[in-house]
Amino acid sequence: MAGGWSRDGAVQDQIDASVDDAVRAARERMPRGPSAMCCEECDAPIPEARRQAVPGVRLCVSCQSALDASSARSGFNRRGSKDSQLR
């Protein structure tokens, strides 16, 4: 589907480029380097299996879960209804 002066497939190319950029940005945010032996938050030992599974890990499972839960809240209205935005 081309629109105006664009060639066929240009829209899909743009979508693919956006997805590639998002994947690249997510990979850059991933921890790198040697994993910590103890959690940086609670000082609990990090199991060897976790250190091997997640290179560069700095938090134990419980601290990472708490961090993920606290950052999961976003300020966006996902319902999309106009009257839900007015409340």
Protein backbone atom coordinates (compact mmCIF):
# COMPACT_ATOMS: atom_id res chain seq x y z
CA MET A 1 0.00 0.00 0.00
CA ALA A 2 1.62 3.19 -1.15
CA GLY A 3 0.31 6.62 -0.42
CA GLY A 4 1.05 9.70 -2.49
CA TRP A 5 4.58 9.66 -3.85
CA SER A 6 5.90 6.90 -1.59
CA ARG A 7 6.91 3.55 -3.02
CA ASP A 8 5.23 0.24 -2.20
CA GLY A 9 6.39 -1.11 1.15
CA ALA A 10 7.59 2.25 2.48
CA VAL A 11 5.18 2.14 5.40
CA GLN A 12 6.33 -1.35 6.39
CA ASP A 13 9.96 -0.23 6.12
CA GLN A 14 9.22 2.62 8.49
CA ILE A 15 7.53 0.24 10.96
CA ASP A 16 10.47 -2.18 10.76
CA ALA A 17 12.94 0.66 11.39
CA SER A 18 10.95 1.77 14.46
CA VAL A 19 10.92 -1.76 15.87
CA ASP A 20 14.66 -2.16 15.21
CA ASP A 21 15.34 1.12 17.04
CA ALA A 22 13.25 0.02 20.03
CA VAL A 23 15.02 -3.36 20.22
CA ARG A 24 18.42 -1.66 20.00
CA ALA A 25 17.49 0.77 22.77
CA ALA A 26 16.24 -2.07 25.00
CA ARG A 27 19.45 -4.03 24.48
CA GLU A 28 21.51 -0.97 25.40
CA ARG A 29 19.64 -0.68 28.71
CA MET A 30 20.38 -4.30 29.63
CA PRO A 31 23.13 -4.79 32.23
CA ARG A 32 26.56 -5.81 30.98
CA GLY A 33 29.80 -7.00 32.47
CA PRO A 34 30.37 -9.28 35.42
CA SER A 35 27.45 -10.05 37.70
CA ALA A 36 27.49 -8.99 41.33
CA MET A 37 27.88 -11.67 43.97
CA CYS A 38 25.50 -9.89 46.38
CA CYS A 39 22.42 -7.77 45.82
CA GLU A 40 23.12 -4.02 45.77
CA GLU A 41 19.87 -3.29 47.62
CA CYS A 42 19.58 -5.90 50.38
CA ASP A 43 23.07 -7.47 50.34
CA ALA A 44 21.61 -10.98 49.91
CA PRO A 45 23.71 -13.42 47.88
CA ILE A 46 22.68 -13.75 44.23
CA PRO A 47 22.40 -17.43 43.18
CA GLU A 48 24.91 -18.69 40.61
CA ALA A 49 22.11 -19.72 38.23
CA ARG A 50 20.76 -16.14 38.15
CA ARG A 51 24.24 -14.70 37.61
CA GLN A 52 24.75 -17.01 34.63
CA ALA A 53 21.28 -16.41 33.20
CA VAL A 54 21.44 -12.60 33.42
CA PRO A 55 24.93 -11.26 32.70
CA GLY A 56 25.66 -8.10 34.68
CA VAL A 57 22.85 -8.68 37.19
CA ARG A 58 23.02 -6.40 40.24
CA LEU A 59 19.81 -7.25 42.16
CA CYS A 60 18.37 -10.42 43.68
CA VAL A 61 15.05 -11.73 42.38
CA SER A 62 12.92 -10.18 45.13
CA CYS A 63 14.51 -6.71 44.80
CA GLN A 64 14.25 -6.86 41.00
CA SER A 65 10.58 -7.86 41.27
CA ALA A 66 9.91 -4.93 43.60
CA LEU A 67 11.67 -2.55 41.21
CA ASP A 68 9.72 -3.90 38.23
CA ALA A 69 6.41 -3.57 40.09
CA SER A 70 7.12 0.02 41.08
CA SER A 71 8.10 1.07 37.55
CA ALA A 72 5.20 -0.75 35.83
CA ARG A 73 2.78 2.09 36.53
CA SER A 74 2.54 4.46 33.63
CA GLY A 75 0.65 7.71 33.44
CA PHE A 76 -1.08 6.89 30.17
CA ASN A 77 -4.77 6.28 29.74
CA ARG A 78 -4.91 2.92 27.99
CA ARG A 79 -8.70 2.77 27.72
CA GLY A 80 -8.88 5.30 24.94
CA SER A 81 -12.33 6.56 25.89
CA LYS A 82 -12.72 10.33 26.00
CA ASP A 83 -14.87 10.36 29.13
CA SER A 84 -12.30 8.28 31.04
CA GLN A 85 -9.83 11.12 30.43
CA LEU A 86 -12.20 13.66 31.93
CA ARG A 87 -12.47 11.92 35.30
